[in-house]
N, C-alpha and C. Protein backbone atom coordinates (compact mmCIF):
# COMPACT_ATOMS: atom_id res chain seq x y z
N UNK A 1 0.85 -1.18 0.00
CA UNK A 1 0.00 0.00 0.00
C UNK A 1 0.89 1.24 0.00
N UNK A 2 0.43 2.27 -0.64
CA UNK A 2 1.20 3.52 -0.73
C UNK A 2 1.33 4.15 0.65
N UNK A 3 2.38 4.92 0.80
CA UNK A 3 2.61 5.66 2.04
C UNK A 3 1.39 6.53 2.32
N UNK A 4 0.96 6.56 3.57
CA UNK A 4 -0.22 7.34 3.96
C UNK A 4 -0.03 8.82 3.63
N UNK A 5 1.18 9.32 3.73
CA UNK A 5 1.43 10.73 3.39
C UNK A 5 1.06 11.01 1.92
N UNK A 6 1.38 10.07 1.05
CA UNK A 6 1.06 10.23 -0.38
C UNK A 6 -0.46 10.17 -0.58
N UNK A 7 -1.12 9.25 0.09
CA UNK A 7 -2.57 9.14 -0.01
C UNK A 7 -3.24 10.42 0.47
N UNK A 8 -2.81 10.94 1.63
CA UNK A 8 -3.38 12.17 2.15
C UNK A 8 -3.16 13.34 1.19
N UNK A 9 -1.96 13.43 0.67
CA UNK A 9 -1.66 14.50 -0.30
C UNK A 9 -2.54 14.38 -1.53
N UNK A 10 -2.69 13.16 -2.03
CA UNK A 10 -3.53 12.94 -3.20
C UNK A 10 -4.99 13.31 -2.95
N UNK A 11 -5.48 13.02 -1.75
CA UNK A 11 -6.85 13.40 -1.42
C UNK A 11 -7.02 14.91 -1.38
N UNK A 12 -6.02 15.63 -0.86
CA UNK A 12 -6.10 17.10 -0.84
C UNK A 12 -6.04 17.66 -2.26
N UNK A 13 -5.25 17.03 -3.13
CA UNK A 13 -5.23 17.45 -4.54
C UNK A 13 -6.61 17.22 -5.15
N UNK A 14 -7.23 16.09 -4.85
CA UNK A 14 -8.57 15.80 -5.37
C UNK A 14 -9.58 16.84 -4.89
N UNK A 15 -9.49 17.24 -3.63
CA UNK A 15 -10.39 18.28 -3.10
C UNK A 15 -10.19 19.59 -3.87
N UNK A 16 -8.94 19.97 -4.06
CA UNK A 16 -8.66 21.23 -4.76
C UNK A 16 -9.18 21.18 -6.20
N UNK A 17 -8.96 20.09 -6.89
CA UNK A 17 -9.44 19.98 -8.27
C UNK A 17 -10.97 19.97 -8.33
N UNK A 18 -11.60 19.39 -7.34
CA UNK A 18 -13.06 19.40 -7.28
C UNK A 18 -13.58 20.83 -7.11
N UNK A 19 -12.93 21.60 -6.24
CA UNK A 19 -13.31 23.01 -6.06
C UNK A 19 -13.12 23.79 -7.37
N UNK A 20 -11.99 23.56 -8.01
CA UNK A 20 -11.72 24.28 -9.27
C UNK A 20 -12.71 23.89 -10.36
N UNK A 21 -13.07 22.62 -10.43
CA UNK A 21 -14.08 22.19 -11.40
C UNK A 21 -15.40 22.92 -11.15
N UNK A 22 -15.79 23.02 -9.89
CA UNK A 22 -17.01 23.75 -9.55
C UNK A 22 -16.94 25.20 -9.97
N UNK A 23 -15.78 25.83 -9.75
CA UNK A 23 -15.61 27.24 -10.14
C UNK A 23 -15.73 27.40 -11.66
N UNK A 24 -15.11 26.52 -12.40
CA UNK A 24 -15.17 26.59 -13.86
C UNK A 24 -16.60 26.39 -14.35
N UNK A 25 -17.27 25.37 -13.82
CA UNK A 25 -18.65 25.11 -14.23
C UNK A 25 -19.57 26.28 -13.86
N UNK A 26 -19.34 26.88 -12.70
CA UNK A 26 -20.13 28.03 -12.28
C UNK A 26 -20.02 29.17 -13.27
N UNK A 27 -18.81 29.41 -13.77
CA UNK A 27 -18.61 30.48 -14.76
C UNK A 27 -19.35 30.14 -16.05
N UNK A 28 -19.17 28.91 -16.56
CA UNK A 28 -19.81 28.53 -17.82
C UNK A 28 -21.33 28.45 -17.70
N UNK A 29 -21.83 28.12 -16.49
CA UNK A 29 -23.28 28.04 -16.30
C UNK A 29 -23.90 29.44 -16.15
N UNK A 30 -23.07 30.45 -16.00
CA UNK A 30 -23.58 31.81 -15.84
C UNK A 30 -24.05 32.11 -14.44
N UNK A 31 -23.59 31.36 -13.46
CA UNK A 31 -23.99 31.56 -12.08
C UNK A 31 -23.11 32.54 -11.32
N UNK A 32 -22.28 33.27 -12.02
CA UNK A 32 -21.44 34.27 -11.37
C UNK A 32 -21.56 35.60 -12.11
N UNK A 33 -21.43 36.67 -11.35
CA UNK A 33 -21.32 38.01 -11.92
C UNK A 33 -19.94 38.51 -11.56
N UNK A 34 -19.13 38.84 -12.55
CA UNK A 34 -17.77 39.28 -12.25
C UNK A 34 -17.74 40.43 -11.23
N UNK A 35 -16.88 40.28 -10.24
CA UNK A 35 -16.71 41.31 -9.22
C UNK A 35 -17.69 41.24 -8.08
N UNK A 36 -18.63 40.28 -8.13
CA UNK A 36 -19.63 40.16 -7.07
C UNK A 36 -19.55 38.79 -6.39
N UNK A 37 -19.91 38.81 -5.12
CA UNK A 37 -20.03 37.57 -4.35
C UNK A 37 -21.37 37.64 -3.63
N UNK A 38 -22.23 36.70 -3.92
CA UNK A 38 -23.54 36.69 -3.29
C UNK A 38 -24.36 37.93 -3.59
N UNK A 39 -24.20 38.49 -4.78
CA UNK A 39 -24.95 39.66 -5.18
C UNK A 39 -24.41 40.98 -4.65
N UNK A 40 -23.28 40.93 -3.96
CA UNK A 40 -22.66 42.14 -3.40
C UNK A 40 -21.32 42.39 -4.07
N UNK A 41 -20.97 43.65 -4.22
CA UNK A 41 -19.66 44.00 -4.76
C UNK A 41 -18.57 43.46 -3.82
N UNK A 42 -17.65 42.68 -4.37
CA UNK A 42 -16.60 42.06 -3.55
C UNK A 42 -15.51 43.07 -3.23
N UNK A 43 -15.06 43.03 -1.99
CA UNK A 43 -13.96 43.90 -1.56
C UNK A 43 -12.64 43.13 -1.66
N UNK A 44 -11.55 43.84 -1.52
CA UNK A 44 -10.24 43.20 -1.52
C UNK A 44 -10.12 42.23 -0.35
N UNK A 45 -10.74 42.58 0.78
CA UNK A 45 -10.72 41.68 1.93
C UNK A 45 -11.45 40.37 1.65
N UNK A 46 -12.56 40.46 0.92
CA UNK A 46 -13.30 39.24 0.56
C UNK A 46 -12.47 38.37 -0.36
N UNK A 47 -11.80 38.99 -1.34
CA UNK A 47 -10.96 38.21 -2.26
C UNK A 47 -9.80 37.57 -1.51
N UNK A 48 -9.23 38.30 -0.54
CA UNK A 48 -8.15 37.74 0.27
C UNK A 48 -8.66 36.54 1.06
N UNK A 49 -9.85 36.67 1.64
CA UNK A 49 -10.44 35.55 2.39
C UNK A 49 -10.65 34.33 1.52
N UNK A 50 -11.14 34.55 0.31
CA UNK A 50 -11.34 33.43 -0.62
C UNK A 50 -10.00 32.80 -0.99
N UNK A 51 -8.99 33.63 -1.20
CA UNK A 51 -7.66 33.10 -1.52
C UNK A 51 -7.14 32.22 -0.38
N UNK A 52 -7.33 32.67 0.85
CA UNK A 52 -6.88 31.89 2.01
C UNK A 52 -7.63 30.55 2.06
N UNK A 53 -8.94 30.59 1.87
CA UNK A 53 -9.74 29.37 1.91
C UNK A 53 -9.30 28.40 0.81
N UNK A 54 -9.08 28.91 -0.39
CA UNK A 54 -8.69 28.05 -1.51
C UNK A 54 -7.26 27.52 -1.36
N UNK A 55 -6.46 28.18 -0.55
CA UNK A 55 -5.09 27.71 -0.32
C UNK A 55 -5.02 26.55 0.68
N UNK A 56 -6.08 26.34 1.44
CA UNK A 56 -6.04 25.30 2.47
C UNK A 56 -5.65 23.93 1.89
N UNK A 57 -6.32 23.44 0.83
CA UNK A 57 -5.91 22.13 0.31
C UNK A 57 -4.47 22.12 -0.21
N UNK A 58 -4.01 23.22 -0.79
CA UNK A 58 -2.65 23.29 -1.31
C UNK A 58 -1.64 23.21 -0.16
N UNK A 59 -1.90 23.97 0.89
CA UNK A 59 -1.03 23.93 2.07
C UNK A 59 -1.04 22.54 2.70
N UNK A 60 -2.21 21.89 2.70
CA UNK A 60 -2.30 20.56 3.29
C UNK A 60 -1.49 19.53 2.51
N UNK A 61 -1.36 19.71 1.20
CA UNK A 61 -0.50 18.82 0.41
C UNK A 61 0.93 18.93 0.93
N UNK A 62 1.41 20.15 1.07
CA UNK A 62 2.78 20.38 1.53
C UNK A 62 2.97 19.86 2.96
N UNK A 63 2.02 20.19 3.84
CA UNK A 63 2.15 19.74 5.23
C UNK A 63 2.08 18.23 5.34
N UNK A 64 1.23 17.60 4.54
CA UNK A 64 1.11 16.13 4.59
C UNK A 64 2.42 15.44 4.22
N UNK A 65 3.21 16.10 3.41
CA UNK A 65 4.49 15.53 3.00
C UNK A 65 5.65 15.91 3.90
N UNK A 66 5.49 16.97 4.70
CA UNK A 66 6.64 17.49 5.45
C UNK A 66 6.49 17.51 6.97
N UNK A 67 5.29 17.65 7.48
CA UNK A 67 5.10 17.75 8.94
C UNK A 67 5.39 16.40 9.58
N UNK A 68 6.01 16.40 10.74
CA UNK A 68 6.35 15.12 11.37
C UNK A 68 5.11 14.35 11.85
N UNK A 69 5.29 13.03 11.88
CA UNK A 69 4.28 12.14 12.43
C UNK A 69 4.40 12.18 13.95
N UNK A 70 3.37 12.14 14.73
CA UNK A 70 1.96 11.96 14.39
C UNK A 70 1.20 13.28 14.21
N UNK A 71 1.88 14.39 14.34
CA UNK A 71 1.20 15.69 14.23
C UNK A 71 0.42 15.82 12.93
N UNK A 72 0.99 15.34 11.83
CA UNK A 72 0.33 15.51 10.54
C UNK A 72 -0.98 14.74 10.47
N UNK A 73 -1.06 13.62 11.15
CA UNK A 73 -2.32 12.88 11.19
C UNK A 73 -3.42 13.70 11.85
N UNK A 74 -3.10 14.29 12.99
CA UNK A 74 -4.08 15.10 13.71
C UNK A 74 -4.43 16.37 12.94
N UNK A 75 -3.46 16.98 12.30
CA UNK A 75 -3.74 18.18 11.49
C UNK A 75 -4.70 17.83 10.36
N UNK A 76 -4.50 16.70 9.70
CA UNK A 76 -5.39 16.28 8.62
C UNK A 76 -6.81 16.04 9.13
N UNK A 77 -6.93 15.41 10.28
CA UNK A 77 -8.26 15.14 10.85
C UNK A 77 -8.99 16.45 11.15
N UNK A 78 -8.31 17.36 11.82
CA UNK A 78 -8.93 18.63 12.21
C UNK A 78 -9.28 19.49 11.00
N UNK A 79 -8.34 19.65 10.09
CA UNK A 79 -8.57 20.52 8.92
C UNK A 79 -9.66 19.93 8.03
N UNK A 80 -9.64 18.62 7.81
CA UNK A 80 -10.68 18.00 6.99
C UNK A 80 -12.05 18.22 7.63
N UNK A 81 -12.13 18.10 8.94
CA UNK A 81 -13.40 18.33 9.63
C UNK A 81 -13.87 19.77 9.50
N UNK A 82 -12.95 20.72 9.65
CA UNK A 82 -13.32 22.13 9.52
C UNK A 82 -13.76 22.47 8.10
N UNK A 83 -13.11 21.89 7.11
CA UNK A 83 -13.48 22.14 5.72
C UNK A 83 -14.88 21.58 5.44
N UNK A 84 -15.20 20.43 6.00
CA UNK A 84 -16.54 19.85 5.83
C UNK A 84 -17.60 20.77 6.43
N UNK A 85 -17.35 21.25 7.63
CA UNK A 85 -18.30 22.17 8.28
C UNK A 85 -18.49 23.42 7.43
N UNK A 86 -17.40 23.97 6.93
CA UNK A 86 -17.46 25.16 6.07
C UNK A 86 -18.30 24.88 4.82
N UNK A 87 -18.07 23.74 4.19
CA UNK A 87 -18.82 23.39 2.97
C UNK A 87 -20.30 23.16 3.26
N UNK A 88 -20.61 22.52 4.36
CA UNK A 88 -22.01 22.29 4.71
C UNK A 88 -22.75 23.60 4.98
N UNK A 89 -22.04 24.57 5.53
CA UNK A 89 -22.66 25.87 5.81
C UNK A 89 -23.06 26.59 4.53
N UNK A 90 -22.41 26.29 3.42
CA UNK A 90 -22.72 26.95 2.16
C UNK A 90 -23.83 26.31 1.35
N UNK A 91 -24.27 25.12 1.76
CA UNK A 91 -25.31 24.43 1.01
C UNK A 91 -26.68 25.05 1.26
N UNK A 92 -27.61 24.99 0.35
CA UNK A 92 -27.47 24.50 -1.01
C UNK A 92 -26.99 25.60 -1.95
N UNK A 93 -26.35 25.19 -3.03
CA UNK A 93 -25.93 26.11 -4.07
C UNK A 93 -26.98 26.14 -5.17
N UNK A 94 -26.86 27.08 -6.09
CA UNK A 94 -27.84 27.24 -7.17
C UNK A 94 -27.87 26.02 -8.09
N UNK A 95 -26.69 25.58 -8.53
CA UNK A 95 -26.63 24.50 -9.50
C UNK A 95 -26.55 23.13 -8.85
N UNK A 96 -27.23 22.17 -9.46
CA UNK A 96 -27.14 20.78 -8.97
C UNK A 96 -25.71 20.28 -9.04
N UNK A 97 -25.01 20.67 -10.11
CA UNK A 97 -23.61 20.27 -10.27
C UNK A 97 -22.77 20.72 -9.07
N UNK A 98 -23.04 21.94 -8.58
CA UNK A 98 -22.27 22.49 -7.47
C UNK A 98 -22.55 21.72 -6.18
N UNK A 99 -23.80 21.41 -5.92
CA UNK A 99 -24.15 20.61 -4.74
C UNK A 99 -23.52 19.23 -4.83
N UNK A 100 -23.56 18.64 -6.02
CA UNK A 100 -22.94 17.33 -6.23
C UNK A 100 -21.44 17.38 -5.94
N UNK A 101 -20.76 18.41 -6.48
CA UNK A 101 -19.32 18.52 -6.28
C UNK A 101 -18.95 18.78 -4.82
N UNK A 102 -19.78 19.52 -4.11
CA UNK A 102 -19.52 19.73 -2.68
C UNK A 102 -19.65 18.40 -1.94
N UNK A 103 -20.63 17.60 -2.29
CA UNK A 103 -20.78 16.28 -1.67
C UNK A 103 -19.57 15.41 -1.98
N UNK A 104 -19.08 15.47 -3.22
CA UNK A 104 -17.88 14.72 -3.59
C UNK A 104 -16.69 15.19 -2.75
N UNK A 105 -16.54 16.50 -2.58
CA UNK A 105 -15.42 17.01 -1.78
C UNK A 105 -15.55 16.58 -0.32
N UNK A 106 -16.79 16.51 0.18
CA UNK A 106 -17.00 16.04 1.56
C UNK A 106 -16.59 14.57 1.69
N UNK A 107 -16.87 13.77 0.67
CA UNK A 107 -16.44 12.36 0.68
C UNK A 107 -14.91 12.30 0.71
N UNK A 108 -14.25 13.13 -0.11
CA UNK A 108 -12.78 13.16 -0.09
C UNK A 108 -12.26 13.57 1.29
N UNK A 109 -12.91 14.55 1.92
CA UNK A 109 -12.48 14.98 3.26
C UNK A 109 -12.74 13.89 4.29
N UNK A 110 -13.84 13.15 4.15
CA UNK A 110 -14.11 12.05 5.07
C UNK A 110 -13.04 10.96 4.92
N UNK A 111 -12.66 10.68 3.68
CA UNK A 111 -11.59 9.70 3.44
C UNK A 111 -10.27 10.20 4.04
N UNK A 112 -10.01 11.48 3.90
CA UNK A 112 -8.79 12.06 4.49
C UNK A 112 -8.77 11.84 5.99
N UNK A 113 -9.87 12.18 6.65
CA UNK A 113 -9.95 12.01 8.11
C UNK A 113 -9.84 10.53 8.49
N UNK A 114 -10.46 9.66 7.71
CA UNK A 114 -10.41 8.23 8.00
C UNK A 114 -8.99 7.68 7.87
N UNK A 115 -8.33 8.01 6.76
CA UNK A 115 -6.94 7.55 6.58
C UNK A 115 -6.04 8.09 7.69
N UNK A 116 -6.20 9.36 8.02
CA UNK A 116 -5.36 9.96 9.06
C UNK A 116 -5.65 9.32 10.41
N UNK A 117 -6.92 9.10 10.72
CA UNK A 117 -7.30 8.49 12.00
C UNK A 117 -6.76 7.06 12.09
N UNK A 118 -6.92 6.30 11.00
CA UNK A 118 -6.43 4.93 10.97
C UNK A 118 -4.91 4.90 11.18
N UNK A 119 -4.24 5.85 10.57
CA UNK A 119 -2.77 5.95 10.66
C UNK A 119 -2.34 6.24 12.09
N UNK A 120 -2.91 7.26 12.71
CA UNK A 120 -2.45 7.64 14.05
C UNK A 120 -2.95 6.68 15.13
N UNK A 121 -4.09 6.05 14.91
CA UNK A 121 -4.63 5.16 15.94
C UNK A 121 -3.98 3.79 15.92
N UNK A 122 -3.53 3.32 14.77
CA UNK A 122 -2.92 1.99 14.71
C UNK A 122 -1.45 2.02 15.10
N UNK A 123 -0.81 3.16 14.95
CA UNK A 123 0.61 3.24 15.27
C UNK A 123 0.84 3.58 16.75
N UNK A 124 -0.22 3.91 17.44
CA UNK A 124 -0.08 4.32 18.86
C UNK A 124 0.14 3.15 19.77
């Protein structure tokens, strides 16, 4: 079986690609107005917040490969859980495709937490 660090990193890549797919489909479906978020003019602070949120899976790829064990297992469990809560708070979205992709990302996050939990609990 592949190293758990590689599996965790791959799951975070899958989450990021799922988010990006949703963003692309949202643009093509016409569900976005440039410069607006939720019908309001977006500020620089809002864009910064979105950038930070979208960086979470990317940072988790790096941390999954570099942070020492067992800390990385616990970080994956906590961050995956927080991302799921954040995603659930945004439901439902306008497009069925978007709701579907959020559910897919939640499955990826659940797998991340499961792999991390299995890793830290069996080695203890």
